[in-house]
Each structure stands twice: as structure tokens, then as C-alpha cells.
Amino acid sequence: MTYHFQNPNQNIIFDYLRNSQTIAVVGLSDRQETAAYGVSKLMQDAGYRIIPVNPKLVGQEILGEQVYGRLQDIPEKIDIVDVFRRSEFLADVARDFIETDATIFWAQLGLESQEAEEILRAANRHAIVMNRCIKIEYLAMQG
């Protein structure tokens, strides 16, 4: 049987967005044509603090924010980790995630991983959203 992640209900997803201020975006680059950039820009314009995570661009700035190489390098509290990396990398990001105090693990549209879910749940981290676009959810919440 094919793995399919069960997301929290819509109200919980909206609560995650309402109660968050800081979003670390794993896989964000400075290429403006990418989905990661467009989504991050919209969320930043909506008032969220965006923290780019991209080991290839450490020390640079994207959207006016310093780029970090790993989640563990970010010196402040992260509410949501929004992942724009292929599904096979989600378990690695989950391992990094559980070494931080980040609250919500969010994998973008088209991305899910049973291994990542198992890693997160084993670490008692249950705020998980997969295969959903944070921008679409944010816009839906705005009604």
C-alpha cells in the first residue's frame, strides 16, 4: 500500500498559521522564479519573518534576511519549518528539526515522507503538515 500522510484538520492548520511569526524556509534560494521564493515573499509581505536555510548560500541575504546553512544554526525561536526539498530529503530535515526548538514541521505541496513522520513522532513532535502549500493555506485562512 502506498504511504499517504494524514494532515491535521483545517482549523488546526489555520491555528498553526495564526500562532506563528517566524518561518524557516529550507531550500530557499535567491532565484525569484522558484516556488520557494514566491511563497516566501508572499508570507513575508503578510508579516511573517522568513529565515532562509540553504547551505550553498550561507552568509548571503535572501529577501533581506541572512541565510543559514542548517536549522540548528538559527539563533532564534522558529515557529514553522517550511521545507522545499524533494521528499527523499525530508527525513534529513526532520532529523535537523528535532535538534531545534521549532514547533511545526511543514512540507510543501507534493512532498511527504513516512520516514520523516516516524522520526518526528518518535521525538514527540506531532505538529506536522505535509503535501500542503503554506501560501494556499494562508490565503484560504484570509477568506
N, C-alpha and C. Protein backbone atom coordinates (compact mmCIF):
# COMPACT_ATOMS: atom_id res chain seq x y z
N MET A 1 0.83 -1.19 0.00
CA MET A 1 0.00 0.00 0.00
C MET A 1 0.88 1.26 0.00
N THR A 2 0.45 2.25 -0.71
CA THR A 2 1.20 3.49 -0.80
C THR A 2 1.01 4.32 0.47
N TYR A 3 2.09 4.89 0.94
CA TYR A 3 2.04 5.75 2.12
C TYR A 3 1.32 7.05 1.76
N HIS A 4 0.41 7.46 2.62
CA HIS A 4 -0.22 8.77 2.46
C HIS A 4 -0.38 9.40 3.83
N PHE A 5 0.24 10.54 4.00
CA PHE A 5 0.22 11.24 5.28
C PHE A 5 -1.16 11.84 5.56
N GLN A 6 -1.61 11.73 6.79
CA GLN A 6 -2.88 12.33 7.22
C GLN A 6 -2.62 13.66 7.90
N ASN A 7 -2.99 14.75 7.25
CA ASN A 7 -2.78 16.08 7.83
C ASN A 7 -3.76 16.36 8.96
N PRO A 8 -3.40 17.32 9.83
CA PRO A 8 -4.36 17.77 10.84
C PRO A 8 -5.56 18.41 10.13
N ASN A 9 -6.65 18.61 10.87
CA ASN A 9 -7.81 19.23 10.23
C ASN A 9 -7.53 20.70 9.91
N GLN A 10 -8.39 21.26 9.06
CA GLN A 10 -8.17 22.61 8.54
C GLN A 10 -8.06 23.65 9.65
N ASN A 11 -8.87 23.53 10.70
CA ASN A 11 -8.80 24.52 11.79
C ASN A 11 -7.45 24.49 12.50
N ILE A 12 -6.89 23.32 12.66
CA ILE A 12 -5.58 23.20 13.30
C ILE A 12 -4.51 23.84 12.41
N ILE A 13 -4.59 23.58 11.12
CA ILE A 13 -3.62 24.20 10.19
C ILE A 13 -3.73 25.73 10.26
N PHE A 14 -4.95 26.26 10.29
CA PHE A 14 -5.12 27.71 10.41
C PHE A 14 -4.56 28.21 11.75
N ASP A 15 -4.76 27.44 12.83
CA ASP A 15 -4.19 27.81 14.13
C ASP A 15 -2.67 27.87 14.06
N TYR A 16 -2.06 26.90 13.40
CA TYR A 16 -0.60 26.91 13.23
C TYR A 16 -0.17 28.23 12.60
N LEU A 17 -0.87 28.65 11.55
CA LEU A 17 -0.50 29.89 10.86
C LEU A 17 -0.78 31.12 11.73
N ARG A 18 -1.92 31.13 12.41
CA ARG A 18 -2.29 32.27 13.25
C ARG A 18 -1.32 32.46 14.41
N ASN A 19 -0.82 31.35 14.95
CA ASN A 19 0.01 31.41 16.15
C ASN A 19 1.50 31.43 15.85
N SER A 20 1.86 31.65 14.60
CA SER A 20 3.26 31.64 14.20
C SER A 20 3.69 33.01 13.71
N GLN A 21 4.97 33.29 13.89
CA GLN A 21 5.54 34.55 13.40
C GLN A 21 6.77 34.31 12.54
N THR A 22 7.54 33.27 12.87
CA THR A 22 8.82 33.03 12.22
C THR A 22 8.78 31.73 11.43
N ILE A 23 9.15 31.81 10.15
CA ILE A 23 9.16 30.65 9.28
C ILE A 23 10.57 30.47 8.71
N ALA A 24 11.20 29.35 9.05
CA ALA A 24 12.48 29.00 8.44
C ALA A 24 12.15 28.22 7.16
N VAL A 25 12.69 28.67 6.03
CA VAL A 25 12.38 28.04 4.75
C VAL A 25 13.60 27.28 4.26
N VAL A 26 13.50 25.94 4.34
CA VAL A 26 14.61 25.07 3.92
C VAL A 26 14.53 24.88 2.41
N GLY A 27 15.62 25.24 1.74
CA GLY A 27 15.66 25.12 0.29
C GLY A 27 15.35 26.43 -0.42
N LEU A 28 15.26 27.53 0.33
CA LEU A 28 15.01 28.83 -0.29
C LEU A 28 16.27 29.31 -0.98
N SER A 29 16.12 29.73 -2.24
CA SER A 29 17.26 30.30 -2.96
C SER A 29 16.89 31.71 -3.41
N ASP A 30 17.85 32.38 -4.03
CA ASP A 30 17.61 33.75 -4.48
C ASP A 30 17.01 33.78 -5.89
N ARG A 31 16.66 32.61 -6.43
CA ARG A 31 16.06 32.56 -7.77
C ARG A 31 14.58 32.92 -7.67
N GLN A 32 14.23 34.09 -8.16
CA GLN A 32 12.87 34.62 -7.96
C GLN A 32 11.80 33.82 -8.68
N GLU A 33 12.19 33.01 -9.66
CA GLU A 33 11.19 32.23 -10.41
C GLU A 33 10.77 30.96 -9.67
N THR A 34 11.42 30.63 -8.56
CA THR A 34 11.09 29.38 -7.86
C THR A 34 9.85 29.55 -6.99
N ALA A 35 9.17 28.42 -6.77
CA ALA A 35 8.01 28.41 -5.87
C ALA A 35 8.42 28.84 -4.47
N ALA A 36 9.57 28.35 -4.01
CA ALA A 36 10.03 28.67 -2.66
C ALA A 36 10.15 30.19 -2.48
N TYR A 37 10.70 30.86 -3.48
CA TYR A 37 10.88 32.31 -3.39
C TYR A 37 9.53 33.03 -3.39
N GLY A 38 8.66 32.64 -4.31
CA GLY A 38 7.35 33.29 -4.41
C GLY A 38 6.52 33.13 -3.15
N VAL A 39 6.51 31.91 -2.62
CA VAL A 39 5.77 31.63 -1.39
C VAL A 39 6.37 32.41 -0.22
N SER A 40 7.69 32.40 -0.11
CA SER A 40 8.36 33.10 0.99
C SER A 40 8.11 34.60 0.94
N LYS A 41 8.15 35.16 -0.27
CA LYS A 41 7.91 36.61 -0.44
C LYS A 41 6.49 36.95 0.00
N LEU A 42 5.51 36.15 -0.42
CA LEU A 42 4.12 36.42 -0.03
C LEU A 42 3.96 36.34 1.49
N MET A 43 4.55 35.31 2.09
CA MET A 43 4.43 35.15 3.54
C MET A 43 5.15 36.29 4.28
N GLN A 44 6.28 36.73 3.74
CA GLN A 44 7.00 37.86 4.33
C GLN A 44 6.14 39.13 4.22
N ASP A 45 5.55 39.35 3.04
CA ASP A 45 4.69 40.52 2.84
C ASP A 45 3.48 40.48 3.77
N ALA A 46 3.05 39.26 4.15
CA ALA A 46 1.91 39.09 5.06
C ALA A 46 2.30 39.32 6.51
N GLY A 47 3.60 39.55 6.77
CA GLY A 47 4.02 39.88 8.13
C GLY A 47 4.82 38.81 8.85
N TYR A 48 5.06 37.68 8.20
CA TYR A 48 5.88 36.64 8.82
C TYR A 48 7.36 36.95 8.62
N ARG A 49 8.16 36.56 9.60
CA ARG A 49 9.61 36.67 9.46
C ARG A 49 10.09 35.41 8.73
N ILE A 50 10.79 35.59 7.62
CA ILE A 50 11.30 34.48 6.83
C ILE A 50 12.79 34.33 7.09
N ILE A 51 13.21 33.12 7.43
CA ILE A 51 14.64 32.85 7.63
C ILE A 51 15.07 31.79 6.60
N PRO A 52 15.89 32.18 5.63
CA PRO A 52 16.33 31.24 4.60
C PRO A 52 17.34 30.23 5.13
N VAL A 53 17.17 28.95 4.73
CA VAL A 53 18.12 27.90 5.09
C VAL A 53 18.57 27.24 3.78
N ASN A 54 19.85 27.45 3.46
CA ASN A 54 20.41 26.90 2.22
C ASN A 54 21.93 26.84 2.37
N PRO A 55 22.48 25.63 2.55
CA PRO A 55 23.92 25.52 2.80
C PRO A 55 24.79 26.10 1.69
N LYS A 56 24.28 26.18 0.48
CA LYS A 56 25.08 26.71 -0.63
C LYS A 56 25.16 28.24 -0.62
N LEU A 57 24.28 28.89 0.14
CA LEU A 57 24.21 30.36 0.11
C LEU A 57 24.46 30.99 1.48
N VAL A 58 25.10 30.25 2.39
CA VAL A 58 25.36 30.76 3.74
C VAL A 58 26.08 32.09 3.67
N GLY A 59 25.64 33.02 4.51
CA GLY A 59 26.28 34.33 4.59
C GLY A 59 25.71 35.34 3.63
N GLN A 60 24.96 34.88 2.63
CA GLN A 60 24.30 35.81 1.73
C GLN A 60 22.97 36.25 2.34
N GLU A 61 22.25 37.10 1.63
CA GLU A 61 20.92 37.50 2.06
C GLU A 61 19.91 37.16 0.99
N ILE A 62 18.75 36.69 1.43
CA ILE A 62 17.61 36.48 0.54
C ILE A 62 16.43 37.17 1.21
N LEU A 63 15.70 37.97 0.44
CA LEU A 63 14.57 38.73 0.97
C LEU A 63 14.99 39.57 2.18
N GLY A 64 16.24 40.05 2.15
CA GLY A 64 16.73 40.91 3.22
C GLY A 64 17.09 40.19 4.50
N GLU A 65 17.09 38.86 4.47
CA GLU A 65 17.40 38.07 5.67
C GLU A 65 18.65 37.23 5.45
N GLN A 66 19.45 37.10 6.51
CA GLN A 66 20.66 36.29 6.46
C GLN A 66 20.32 34.82 6.20
N VAL A 67 21.12 34.18 5.33
CA VAL A 67 20.92 32.76 5.02
C VAL A 67 21.75 31.91 5.98
N TYR A 68 21.13 30.86 6.53
CA TYR A 68 21.80 29.91 7.41
C TYR A 68 22.00 28.59 6.68
N GLY A 69 23.02 27.84 7.10
CA GLY A 69 23.32 26.56 6.47
C GLY A 69 22.46 25.43 6.98
N ARG A 70 22.08 25.50 8.26
CA ARG A 70 21.28 24.44 8.88
C ARG A 70 20.29 25.07 9.84
N LEU A 71 19.22 24.34 10.10
CA LEU A 71 18.23 24.83 11.08
C LEU A 71 18.89 25.08 12.43
N GLN A 72 19.84 24.20 12.79
CA GLN A 72 20.47 24.30 14.11
C GLN A 72 21.30 25.58 14.26
N ASP A 73 21.63 26.23 13.15
CA ASP A 73 22.45 27.44 13.21
C ASP A 73 21.63 28.70 13.47
N ILE A 74 20.31 28.60 13.38
CA ILE A 74 19.46 29.78 13.54
C ILE A 74 19.36 30.11 15.04
N PRO A 75 19.76 31.34 15.41
CA PRO A 75 19.86 31.67 16.84
C PRO A 75 18.56 32.06 17.51
N GLU A 76 17.45 32.06 16.80
CA GLU A 76 16.19 32.49 17.43
C GLU A 76 15.13 31.41 17.30
N LYS A 77 14.02 31.62 17.99
CA LYS A 77 12.91 30.66 18.00
C LYS A 77 12.27 30.59 16.62
N ILE A 78 12.07 29.37 16.14
CA ILE A 78 11.41 29.13 14.86
C ILE A 78 10.03 28.54 15.15
N ASP A 79 9.01 29.11 14.54
CA ASP A 79 7.67 28.55 14.70
C ASP A 79 7.43 27.44 13.67
N ILE A 80 7.62 27.76 12.40
CA ILE A 80 7.36 26.79 11.33
C ILE A 80 8.64 26.57 10.54
N VAL A 81 8.93 25.31 10.24
CA VAL A 81 9.98 24.98 9.28
C VAL A 81 9.26 24.52 8.02
N ASP A 82 9.37 25.34 6.97
CA ASP A 82 8.70 25.07 5.70
C ASP A 82 9.74 24.50 4.74
N VAL A 83 9.50 23.27 4.27
CA VAL A 83 10.53 22.55 3.52
C VAL A 83 10.21 22.51 2.03
N PHE A 84 11.14 23.04 1.25
CA PHE A 84 11.10 22.98 -0.21
C PHE A 84 12.27 22.13 -0.71
N ARG A 85 12.29 20.88 -0.31
CA ARG A 85 13.30 19.94 -0.81
C ARG A 85 12.57 18.67 -1.18
N ARG A 86 13.12 17.91 -2.10
CA ARG A 86 12.44 16.69 -2.56
C ARG A 86 12.15 15.74 -1.39
N SER A 87 11.10 14.95 -1.56
CA SER A 87 10.63 14.06 -0.48
C SER A 87 11.74 13.21 0.11
N GLU A 88 12.69 12.75 -0.72
CA GLU A 88 13.75 11.88 -0.19
C GLU A 88 14.66 12.60 0.80
N PHE A 89 14.59 13.94 0.86
CA PHE A 89 15.40 14.70 1.82
C PHE A 89 14.64 15.06 3.08
N LEU A 90 13.34 14.76 3.13
CA LEU A 90 12.54 15.18 4.29
C LEU A 90 13.01 14.54 5.60
N ALA A 91 13.45 13.29 5.55
CA ALA A 91 13.92 12.63 6.78
C ALA A 91 15.15 13.36 7.34
N ASP A 92 16.06 13.79 6.45
CA ASP A 92 17.23 14.54 6.91
C ASP A 92 16.81 15.85 7.56
N VAL A 93 15.85 16.54 6.94
CA VAL A 93 15.37 17.79 7.52
C VAL A 93 14.68 17.52 8.86
N ALA A 94 13.93 16.42 8.95
CA ALA A 94 13.28 16.06 10.21
C ALA A 94 14.31 15.83 11.31
N ARG A 95 15.43 15.19 10.97
CA ARG A 95 16.50 14.97 11.97
C ARG A 95 17.06 16.30 12.45
N ASP A 96 17.25 17.24 11.53
CA ASP A 96 17.71 18.58 11.93
C ASP A 96 16.65 19.28 12.79
N PHE A 97 15.40 19.17 12.36
CA PHE A 97 14.28 19.82 13.04
C PHE A 97 14.22 19.44 14.52
N ILE A 98 14.37 18.14 14.82
CA ILE A 98 14.23 17.71 16.21
C ILE A 98 15.41 18.15 17.09
N GLU A 99 16.45 18.69 16.47
CA GLU A 99 17.57 19.26 17.25
C GLU A 99 17.35 20.75 17.53
N THR A 100 16.20 21.29 17.13
CA THR A 100 15.88 22.70 17.37
C THR A 100 14.65 22.78 18.26
N ASP A 101 14.25 24.01 18.60
CA ASP A 101 13.01 24.20 19.36
C ASP A 101 11.86 24.59 18.43
N ALA A 102 12.03 24.37 17.13
CA ALA A 102 10.97 24.69 16.17
C ALA A 102 9.70 23.91 16.52
N THR A 103 8.57 24.47 16.20
CA THR A 103 7.29 23.90 16.61
C THR A 103 6.64 23.05 15.53
N ILE A 104 6.56 23.56 14.30
CA ILE A 104 5.76 22.93 13.25
C ILE A 104 6.64 22.54 12.07
N PHE A 105 6.56 21.28 11.69
CA PHE A 105 7.27 20.76 10.51
C PHE A 105 6.28 20.78 9.34
N TRP A 106 6.62 21.53 8.28
CA TRP A 106 5.69 21.71 7.15
C TRP A 106 6.41 21.38 5.86
N ALA A 107 5.93 20.36 5.16
CA ALA A 107 6.49 20.00 3.85
C ALA A 107 5.53 20.48 2.77
N GLN A 108 6.08 21.18 1.79
CA GLN A 108 5.28 21.83 0.77
C GLN A 108 4.50 20.84 -0.11
N LEU A 109 3.63 21.39 -0.92
CA LEU A 109 2.77 20.64 -1.83
C LEU A 109 3.59 19.63 -2.63
N GLY A 110 3.13 18.39 -2.66
CA GLY A 110 3.82 17.34 -3.41
C GLY A 110 4.86 16.58 -2.62
N LEU A 111 5.10 17.01 -1.36
CA LEU A 111 6.15 16.40 -0.56
C LEU A 111 5.58 15.68 0.65
N GLU A 112 5.95 14.41 0.82
CA GLU A 112 5.64 13.69 2.06
C GLU A 112 6.62 12.54 2.22
N SER A 113 6.81 12.13 3.47
CA SER A 113 7.78 11.09 3.76
C SER A 113 7.38 10.35 5.03
N GLN A 114 7.18 9.05 4.88
CA GLN A 114 6.85 8.23 6.05
C GLN A 114 8.01 8.23 7.04
N GLU A 115 9.24 8.15 6.53
CA GLU A 115 10.41 8.15 7.42
C GLU A 115 10.48 9.44 8.23
N ALA A 116 10.23 10.58 7.57
CA ALA A 116 10.25 11.86 8.28
C ALA A 116 9.18 11.88 9.37
N GLU A 117 7.98 11.40 9.03
CA GLU A 117 6.90 11.37 10.03
C GLU A 117 7.30 10.51 11.22
N GLU A 118 7.89 9.34 10.96
CA GLU A 118 8.29 8.44 12.05
C GLU A 118 9.36 9.08 12.93
N ILE A 119 10.32 9.77 12.33
CA ILE A 119 11.37 10.47 13.09
C ILE A 119 10.75 11.53 14.00
N LEU A 120 9.84 12.32 13.44
CA LEU A 120 9.21 13.40 14.20
C LEU A 120 8.36 12.85 15.34
N ARG A 121 7.54 11.85 15.05
CA ARG A 121 6.66 11.29 16.08
C ARG A 121 7.47 10.60 17.19
N ALA A 122 8.55 9.93 16.81
CA ALA A 122 9.40 9.27 17.80
C ALA A 122 10.02 10.29 18.76
N ALA A 123 10.23 11.51 18.25
CA ALA A 123 10.80 12.59 19.07
C ALA A 123 9.69 13.40 19.76
N ASN A 124 8.46 12.88 19.69
CA ASN A 124 7.30 13.54 20.31
C ASN A 124 7.03 14.92 19.71
N ARG A 125 7.28 15.04 18.41
CA ARG A 125 6.98 16.29 17.68
C ARG A 125 5.81 15.97 16.76
N HIS A 126 4.62 16.41 17.14
CA HIS A 126 3.41 15.98 16.45
C HIS A 126 2.77 17.05 15.57
N ALA A 127 3.31 18.27 15.57
CA ALA A 127 2.76 19.32 14.71
C ALA A 127 3.40 19.17 13.33
N ILE A 128 2.75 18.38 12.48
CA ILE A 128 3.30 18.03 11.17
C ILE A 128 2.25 18.31 10.09
N VAL A 129 2.68 18.99 9.05
CA VAL A 129 1.84 19.21 7.87
C VAL A 129 2.67 18.79 6.67
N MET A 130 2.09 17.97 5.79
CA MET A 130 2.81 17.57 4.57
C MET A 130 1.89 17.68 3.37
N ASN A 131 2.53 17.90 2.21
CA ASN A 131 1.82 17.95 0.93
C ASN A 131 0.76 19.05 0.93
N ARG A 132 1.07 20.17 1.57
CA ARG A 132 0.17 21.33 1.57
C ARG A 132 1.03 22.57 1.34
N CYS A 133 0.50 23.52 0.57
CA CYS A 133 1.23 24.77 0.31
C CYS A 133 0.86 25.79 1.38
N ILE A 134 1.86 26.31 2.07
CA ILE A 134 1.62 27.26 3.15
C ILE A 134 0.96 28.53 2.63
N LYS A 135 1.30 28.94 1.41
CA LYS A 135 0.70 30.13 0.81
C LYS A 135 -0.79 29.90 0.54
N ILE A 136 -1.13 28.76 -0.04
CA ILE A 136 -2.54 28.43 -0.31
C ILE A 136 -3.33 28.39 1.00
N GLU A 137 -2.75 27.78 2.03
CA GLU A 137 -3.43 27.69 3.33
C GLU A 137 -3.60 29.07 3.94
N TYR A 138 -2.56 29.91 3.83
CA TYR A 138 -2.64 31.25 4.37
C TYR A 138 -3.74 32.05 3.65
N LEU A 139 -3.77 31.98 2.33
CA LEU A 139 -4.78 32.71 1.56
C LEU A 139 -6.19 32.20 1.87
N ALA A 140 -6.33 30.89 2.06
CA ALA A 140 -7.63 30.30 2.42
C ALA A 140 -8.08 30.83 3.79
N MET A 141 -7.12 30.96 4.71
CA MET A 141 -7.43 31.44 6.05
C MET A 141 -7.92 32.90 6.00
N GLN A 142 -7.40 33.66 5.05
CA GLN A 142 -7.80 35.07 4.90
C GLN A 142 -9.23 35.18 4.37
N GLY A 143 -9.72 34.06 3.79
CA GLY A 143 -11.09 34.01 3.29
C GLY A 143 -11.27 34.82 2.03
